[in-house]
N, C-alpha and C. Protein backbone atom coordinates (compact mmCIF):
# COMPACT_ATOMS: atom_id res chain seq x y z
N THR A 1 -61.44 163.76 112.24
CA THR A 1 -62.61 164.61 112.11
C THR A 1 -63.49 164.50 113.35
N ASP A 2 -63.70 163.27 113.81
CA ASP A 2 -64.57 163.09 114.98
C ASP A 2 -63.95 163.70 116.23
N ASP A 3 -62.63 163.61 116.36
CA ASP A 3 -61.96 164.24 117.50
C ASP A 3 -62.09 165.76 117.42
N ALA A 4 -61.98 166.31 116.22
CA ALA A 4 -62.13 167.76 116.05
C ALA A 4 -63.55 168.20 116.40
N ILE A 5 -64.53 167.42 115.98
CA ILE A 5 -65.93 167.74 116.31
C ILE A 5 -66.13 167.69 117.82
N LYS A 6 -65.65 166.64 118.44
CA LYS A 6 -65.82 166.50 119.89
C LYS A 6 -65.16 167.67 120.63
N PHE A 7 -63.95 168.04 120.21
CA PHE A 7 -63.24 169.16 120.82
C PHE A 7 -64.02 170.46 120.64
N ALA A 8 -64.49 170.70 119.41
CA ALA A 8 -65.22 171.94 119.12
C ALA A 8 -66.53 172.01 119.90
N LEU A 9 -67.22 170.89 120.01
CA LEU A 9 -68.47 170.87 120.79
C LEU A 9 -68.19 171.13 122.26
N HIS A 10 -67.12 170.53 122.78
CA HIS A 10 -66.76 170.73 124.18
C HIS A 10 -66.43 172.21 124.45
N LYS A 11 -65.76 172.85 123.50
CA LYS A 11 -65.38 174.26 123.65
C LYS A 11 -66.49 175.22 123.22
N GLN A 12 -67.61 174.66 122.73
CA GLN A 12 -68.73 175.45 122.23
C GLN A 12 -68.26 176.49 121.20
N ALA A 13 -67.49 176.00 120.24
CA ALA A 13 -66.94 176.85 119.20
C ALA A 13 -68.05 177.58 118.44
N LYS A 14 -67.80 178.83 118.11
CA LYS A 14 -68.78 179.60 117.34
C LYS A 14 -68.89 179.06 115.92
N PHE A 15 -67.74 178.69 115.34
CA PHE A 15 -67.70 178.15 113.99
C PHE A 15 -66.89 176.87 113.98
N ILE A 16 -67.29 175.93 113.14
CA ILE A 16 -66.54 174.70 112.92
C ILE A 16 -66.46 174.52 111.41
N VAL A 17 -65.24 174.38 110.89
CA VAL A 17 -65.04 174.15 109.47
C VAL A 17 -64.25 172.85 109.33
N LEU A 18 -64.84 171.90 108.61
CA LEU A 18 -64.25 170.56 108.51
C LEU A 18 -64.11 170.12 107.06
N VAL A 19 -62.99 169.50 106.77
CA VAL A 19 -62.81 168.74 105.54
C VAL A 19 -62.72 167.30 106.02
N PRO A 20 -63.85 166.59 106.04
CA PRO A 20 -63.91 165.30 106.72
C PRO A 20 -63.05 164.22 106.07
N CYS A 21 -62.52 163.39 106.95
CA CYS A 21 -61.76 162.21 106.53
C CYS A 21 -62.17 161.07 107.46
N CYS A 22 -61.49 159.97 107.36
CA CYS A 22 -61.65 158.85 108.31
C CYS A 22 -63.09 158.35 108.35
N GLN A 23 -63.58 157.92 107.19
CA GLN A 23 -64.96 157.45 107.11
C GLN A 23 -65.09 155.94 107.03
N ALA A 24 -64.01 155.21 107.25
CA ALA A 24 -64.03 153.75 107.06
C ALA A 24 -64.76 153.00 108.17
N GLU A 25 -64.86 153.58 109.36
CA GLU A 25 -65.44 152.86 110.49
C GLU A 25 -66.91 152.51 110.26
N VAL A 26 -67.68 153.42 109.72
CA VAL A 26 -69.09 153.15 109.45
C VAL A 26 -69.22 152.06 108.39
N ALA A 27 -68.40 152.14 107.33
CA ALA A 27 -68.43 151.11 106.29
C ALA A 27 -68.08 149.74 106.86
N ALA A 28 -67.10 149.69 107.74
CA ALA A 28 -66.72 148.42 108.37
C ALA A 28 -67.87 147.86 109.20
N GLN A 29 -68.58 148.73 109.90
CA GLN A 29 -69.71 148.29 110.71
C GLN A 29 -70.87 147.82 109.83
N LEU A 30 -71.11 148.51 108.73
CA LEU A 30 -72.13 148.07 107.78
C LEU A 30 -71.80 146.67 107.27
N ASN A 31 -70.53 146.48 106.92
CA ASN A 31 -70.10 145.18 106.40
C ASN A 31 -70.21 144.09 107.47
N LYS A 32 -69.82 144.41 108.68
CA LYS A 32 -69.87 143.45 109.79
C LYS A 32 -71.30 142.96 110.03
N ASN A 33 -72.26 143.87 109.95
CA ASN A 33 -73.65 143.54 110.26
C ASN A 33 -74.50 143.30 109.02
N LYS A 34 -73.85 143.08 107.88
CA LYS A 34 -74.56 142.96 106.61
C LYS A 34 -75.64 141.88 106.64
N ASN A 35 -75.32 140.70 107.13
CA ASN A 35 -76.30 139.61 107.12
C ASN A 35 -77.51 139.92 107.99
N GLN A 36 -77.30 140.53 109.15
CA GLN A 36 -78.41 140.92 110.01
C GLN A 36 -79.26 142.00 109.34
N SER A 37 -78.62 142.90 108.65
CA SER A 37 -79.32 144.02 108.02
C SER A 37 -80.21 143.59 106.87
N PHE A 38 -79.82 142.54 106.15
CA PHE A 38 -80.63 142.09 105.02
C PHE A 38 -82.05 141.74 105.46
N GLY A 39 -82.20 141.17 106.64
CA GLY A 39 -83.53 140.83 107.14
C GLY A 39 -84.24 142.00 107.78
N LYS A 40 -83.50 143.06 108.10
CA LYS A 40 -84.06 144.18 108.85
C LYS A 40 -84.60 145.29 107.94
N THR A 41 -83.87 145.57 106.86
CA THR A 41 -84.26 146.70 106.02
C THR A 41 -83.89 146.45 104.56
N PRO A 42 -84.79 146.79 103.63
CA PRO A 42 -84.44 146.67 102.22
C PRO A 42 -83.35 147.65 101.81
N LEU A 43 -83.11 148.66 102.63
CA LEU A 43 -82.05 149.62 102.33
C LEU A 43 -80.67 148.97 102.34
N SER A 44 -80.57 147.78 102.94
CA SER A 44 -79.27 147.10 103.00
C SER A 44 -78.74 146.78 101.60
N GLU A 45 -79.59 146.81 100.60
CA GLU A 45 -79.12 146.62 99.22
C GLU A 45 -78.13 147.71 98.82
N ILE A 46 -78.23 148.86 99.47
CA ILE A 46 -77.32 149.98 99.17
C ILE A 46 -75.88 149.60 99.47
N TRP A 47 -75.64 148.75 100.45
CA TRP A 47 -74.28 148.36 100.78
C TRP A 47 -74.04 146.86 100.60
N ARG A 48 -74.72 146.29 99.64
CA ARG A 48 -74.57 144.86 99.36
C ARG A 48 -73.20 144.54 98.76
N HIS A 49 -72.70 145.40 97.92
CA HIS A 49 -71.42 145.18 97.24
C HIS A 49 -70.33 146.04 97.88
N PRO A 50 -69.09 145.53 97.95
CA PRO A 50 -68.02 146.23 98.67
C PRO A 50 -67.81 147.69 98.25
N ILE A 51 -67.82 147.97 96.96
CA ILE A 51 -67.60 149.36 96.54
C ILE A 51 -68.72 150.26 97.03
N HIS A 52 -69.95 149.74 97.03
CA HIS A 52 -71.08 150.53 97.52
C HIS A 52 -71.01 150.69 99.03
N THR A 53 -70.55 149.65 99.71
CA THR A 53 -70.39 149.74 101.17
C THR A 53 -69.44 150.87 101.51
N ARG A 54 -68.31 150.92 100.81
CA ARG A 54 -67.31 151.96 101.08
C ARG A 54 -67.87 153.36 100.81
N GLU A 55 -68.50 153.52 99.65
CA GLU A 55 -69.02 154.84 99.28
C GLU A 55 -70.20 155.26 100.15
N PHE A 56 -71.12 154.34 100.38
CA PHE A 56 -72.27 154.65 101.23
C PHE A 56 -71.81 154.93 102.66
N GLY A 57 -70.87 154.14 103.15
CA GLY A 57 -70.34 154.36 104.49
C GLY A 57 -69.72 155.73 104.63
N SER A 58 -69.01 156.16 103.61
CA SER A 58 -68.39 157.48 103.62
C SER A 58 -69.44 158.59 103.67
N GLN A 59 -70.44 158.49 102.81
CA GLN A 59 -71.51 159.49 102.80
C GLN A 59 -72.29 159.49 104.11
N LEU A 60 -72.60 158.30 104.58
CA LEU A 60 -73.38 158.17 105.81
C LEU A 60 -72.62 158.76 107.01
N THR A 61 -71.32 158.54 107.05
CA THR A 61 -70.51 159.10 108.14
C THR A 61 -70.69 160.61 108.20
N ASN A 62 -70.62 161.26 107.06
CA ASN A 62 -70.74 162.72 107.05
C ASN A 62 -72.15 163.19 107.34
N VAL A 63 -73.15 162.43 106.92
CA VAL A 63 -74.54 162.75 107.26
C VAL A 63 -74.72 162.68 108.78
N LEU A 64 -74.19 161.64 109.40
CA LEU A 64 -74.30 161.49 110.85
C LEU A 64 -73.56 162.62 111.57
N ARG A 65 -72.42 163.01 111.05
CA ARG A 65 -71.67 164.13 111.65
C ARG A 65 -72.49 165.42 111.58
N CYS A 66 -73.14 165.66 110.44
CA CYS A 66 -73.97 166.87 110.30
C CYS A 66 -75.14 166.84 111.27
N LEU A 67 -75.79 165.70 111.40
CA LEU A 67 -76.90 165.59 112.36
C LEU A 67 -76.41 165.79 113.78
N GLN A 68 -75.23 165.28 114.08
CA GLN A 68 -74.64 165.46 115.41
C GLN A 68 -74.45 166.95 115.69
N LEU A 69 -73.92 167.68 114.73
CA LEU A 69 -73.71 169.12 114.91
C LEU A 69 -75.04 169.85 115.07
N GLU A 70 -76.02 169.50 114.26
CA GLU A 70 -77.34 170.12 114.37
C GLU A 70 -77.97 169.83 115.73
N ALA A 71 -77.80 168.62 116.20
CA ALA A 71 -78.36 168.25 117.51
C ALA A 71 -77.75 169.09 118.63
N HIS A 72 -76.52 169.56 118.41
CA HIS A 72 -75.84 170.39 119.41
C HIS A 72 -76.04 171.88 119.17
N GLY A 73 -76.94 172.24 118.25
CA GLY A 73 -77.29 173.65 118.09
C GLY A 73 -76.59 174.38 116.96
N TYR A 74 -75.97 173.66 116.06
CA TYR A 74 -75.26 174.29 114.95
C TYR A 74 -76.11 174.28 113.68
N GLN A 75 -76.00 175.36 112.93
CA GLN A 75 -76.57 175.41 111.58
C GLN A 75 -75.47 174.88 110.66
N VAL A 76 -75.80 173.90 109.83
CA VAL A 76 -74.79 173.21 109.04
C VAL A 76 -75.01 173.44 107.55
N THR A 77 -73.91 173.71 106.86
CA THR A 77 -73.90 173.81 105.41
C THR A 77 -72.84 172.84 104.90
N VAL A 78 -73.18 172.09 103.86
CA VAL A 78 -72.22 171.18 103.24
C VAL A 78 -72.05 171.59 101.79
N THR A 79 -70.82 171.75 101.37
CA THR A 79 -70.55 172.19 100.01
C THR A 79 -69.28 171.51 99.49
N GLU A 80 -68.94 171.81 98.25
CA GLU A 80 -67.70 171.29 97.67
C GLU A 80 -66.53 172.14 98.10
N LEU A 81 -65.43 171.49 98.36
CA LEU A 81 -64.18 172.21 98.63
C LEU A 81 -63.53 172.59 97.30
N VAL A 82 -63.45 171.62 96.40
CA VAL A 82 -62.96 171.82 95.03
C VAL A 82 -63.92 171.09 94.11
N GLY A 83 -63.77 171.28 92.81
CA GLY A 83 -64.65 170.60 91.86
C GLY A 83 -64.47 169.10 91.88
N TRP A 84 -65.53 168.37 91.53
CA TRP A 84 -65.48 166.90 91.53
C TRP A 84 -64.44 166.35 90.56
N GLU A 85 -64.09 167.13 89.55
CA GLU A 85 -63.09 166.65 88.60
C GLU A 85 -61.70 166.54 89.25
N HIS A 86 -61.51 167.18 90.39
CA HIS A 86 -60.22 167.15 91.08
C HIS A 86 -60.15 166.09 92.17
N SER A 87 -61.28 165.84 92.82
CA SER A 87 -61.28 164.88 93.93
C SER A 87 -62.70 164.45 94.24
N MET A 88 -62.86 163.15 94.48
CA MET A 88 -64.17 162.64 94.90
C MET A 88 -64.41 162.90 96.38
N LYS A 89 -63.35 163.10 97.14
CA LYS A 89 -63.45 163.34 98.58
C LYS A 89 -63.21 164.84 98.80
N ASN A 90 -64.23 165.63 98.59
CA ASN A 90 -64.01 167.06 98.68
C ASN A 90 -65.13 167.81 99.39
N GLU A 91 -65.70 167.18 100.39
CA GLU A 91 -66.75 167.85 101.15
C GLU A 91 -66.16 168.87 102.11
N LEU A 92 -66.87 169.95 102.24
CA LEU A 92 -66.55 170.97 103.22
C LEU A 92 -67.79 171.15 104.07
N ILE A 93 -67.64 170.91 105.37
CA ILE A 93 -68.75 171.07 106.31
C ILE A 93 -68.49 172.33 107.12
N ILE A 94 -69.44 173.25 107.07
CA ILE A 94 -69.34 174.51 107.80
C ILE A 94 -70.49 174.56 108.79
N ALA A 95 -70.15 174.73 110.06
CA ALA A 95 -71.17 174.75 111.11
C ALA A 95 -71.05 176.05 111.90
N THR A 96 -72.17 176.70 112.12
CA THR A 96 -72.24 177.94 112.89
C THR A 96 -73.09 177.69 114.12
N ASN A 97 -72.53 178.00 115.28
CA ASN A 97 -73.25 177.77 116.53
C ASN A 97 -74.39 178.77 116.66
N ARG A 98 -75.60 178.26 116.62
CA ARG A 98 -76.80 179.09 116.80
C ARG A 98 -77.38 178.89 118.19
N ASN A 99 -76.70 178.07 118.98
CA ASN A 99 -77.13 177.80 120.35
C ASN A 99 -78.61 177.40 120.40
N ALA A 100 -78.99 176.57 119.43
CA ALA A 100 -80.38 176.11 119.33
C ALA A 100 -80.38 174.62 119.03
N PRO A 101 -80.11 173.80 120.05
CA PRO A 101 -80.09 172.34 119.83
C PRO A 101 -81.40 171.87 119.20
N ARG A 102 -81.27 170.98 118.24
CA ARG A 102 -82.44 170.49 117.51
C ARG A 102 -82.71 169.04 117.91
N LYS A 103 -83.76 168.87 118.68
CA LYS A 103 -84.14 167.54 119.15
C LYS A 103 -84.45 166.62 117.97
N ASN A 104 -85.07 167.16 116.92
CA ASN A 104 -85.42 166.31 115.78
C ASN A 104 -84.17 165.80 115.06
N ALA A 105 -83.09 166.56 115.07
CA ALA A 105 -81.83 166.08 114.48
C ALA A 105 -81.30 164.91 115.29
N GLN A 106 -81.36 165.02 116.59
CA GLN A 106 -80.94 163.93 117.47
C GLN A 106 -81.79 162.68 117.23
N GLU A 107 -83.08 162.88 117.10
CA GLU A 107 -83.99 161.75 116.86
C GLU A 107 -83.71 161.10 115.51
N ARG A 108 -83.47 161.90 114.48
CA ARG A 108 -83.16 161.35 113.16
C ARG A 108 -81.85 160.58 113.18
N LEU A 109 -80.86 161.11 113.88
CA LEU A 109 -79.59 160.42 114.02
C LEU A 109 -79.79 159.05 114.65
N GLU A 110 -80.53 159.02 115.74
CA GLU A 110 -80.81 157.76 116.45
C GLU A 110 -81.56 156.78 115.55
N LYS A 111 -82.53 157.27 114.78
CA LYS A 111 -83.30 156.40 113.89
C LYS A 111 -82.42 155.80 112.80
N ILE A 112 -81.53 156.60 112.26
CA ILE A 112 -80.62 156.08 111.23
C ILE A 112 -79.72 155.00 111.81
N LEU A 113 -79.15 155.25 112.99
CA LEU A 113 -78.30 154.24 113.62
C LEU A 113 -79.06 152.94 113.84
N ASN A 114 -80.30 153.06 114.28
CA ASN A 114 -81.12 151.88 114.53
C ASN A 114 -81.52 151.18 113.23
N GLU A 115 -82.01 151.94 112.29
CA GLU A 115 -82.49 151.37 111.02
C GLU A 115 -81.38 150.64 110.26
N LEU A 116 -80.17 151.18 110.32
CA LEU A 116 -79.07 150.61 109.55
C LEU A 116 -78.19 149.68 110.37
N ASN A 117 -78.66 149.32 111.56
CA ASN A 117 -77.97 148.34 112.40
C ASN A 117 -76.58 148.84 112.83
N LEU A 118 -76.51 150.12 113.18
CA LEU A 118 -75.25 150.74 113.56
C LEU A 118 -75.24 151.19 115.02
N GLU A 119 -76.04 150.54 115.84
CA GLU A 119 -76.15 150.95 117.24
C GLU A 119 -74.80 150.95 117.96
N GLU A 120 -73.88 150.09 117.54
CA GLU A 120 -72.56 150.02 118.18
C GLU A 120 -71.78 151.32 118.03
N LEU A 121 -72.13 152.14 117.05
CA LEU A 121 -71.43 153.40 116.82
C LEU A 121 -72.10 154.58 117.52
N ARG A 122 -73.10 154.31 118.30
CA ARG A 122 -73.86 155.37 118.97
C ARG A 122 -72.93 156.31 119.75
N GLY A 123 -71.99 155.76 120.49
CA GLY A 123 -71.08 156.58 121.29
C GLY A 123 -70.21 157.51 120.47
N ARG A 124 -70.03 157.20 119.21
CA ARG A 124 -69.23 158.05 118.34
C ARG A 124 -69.98 159.31 117.92
N PHE A 125 -71.30 159.20 117.81
CA PHE A 125 -72.09 160.31 117.28
C PHE A 125 -73.05 160.94 118.28
N VAL A 126 -73.28 160.29 119.41
CA VAL A 126 -74.25 160.78 120.38
C VAL A 126 -73.55 160.99 121.71
N TYR A 127 -73.49 162.23 122.16
CA TYR A 127 -72.96 162.57 123.49
C TYR A 127 -73.37 163.96 123.86
């Protein structure tokens, strides 16, 4: 998904349609920095337990991807691909290039990375 986003941004695609996968990296980083995060933010309780780390990491990955697209000028819509009764992993991200980069999206992305102790992943979402 991240390679597809990077390619589409490089080509300045008019539309980007994604069924995101590969969300384990953020969860792994949350887990790696768990002890540091406990002292930094009370939000770290969200990923205190392994199942929550995995689920929160998955959601957070897609939130960061959406902010990345918005920062590059895309209007983003997130919806279900199929009903939840069929699959828990069924997000569909639709992005339309409005050629209007949003500085506040970039700032929010940076704040989330900082607040959640994910600065090491900056290169994945900021370019």
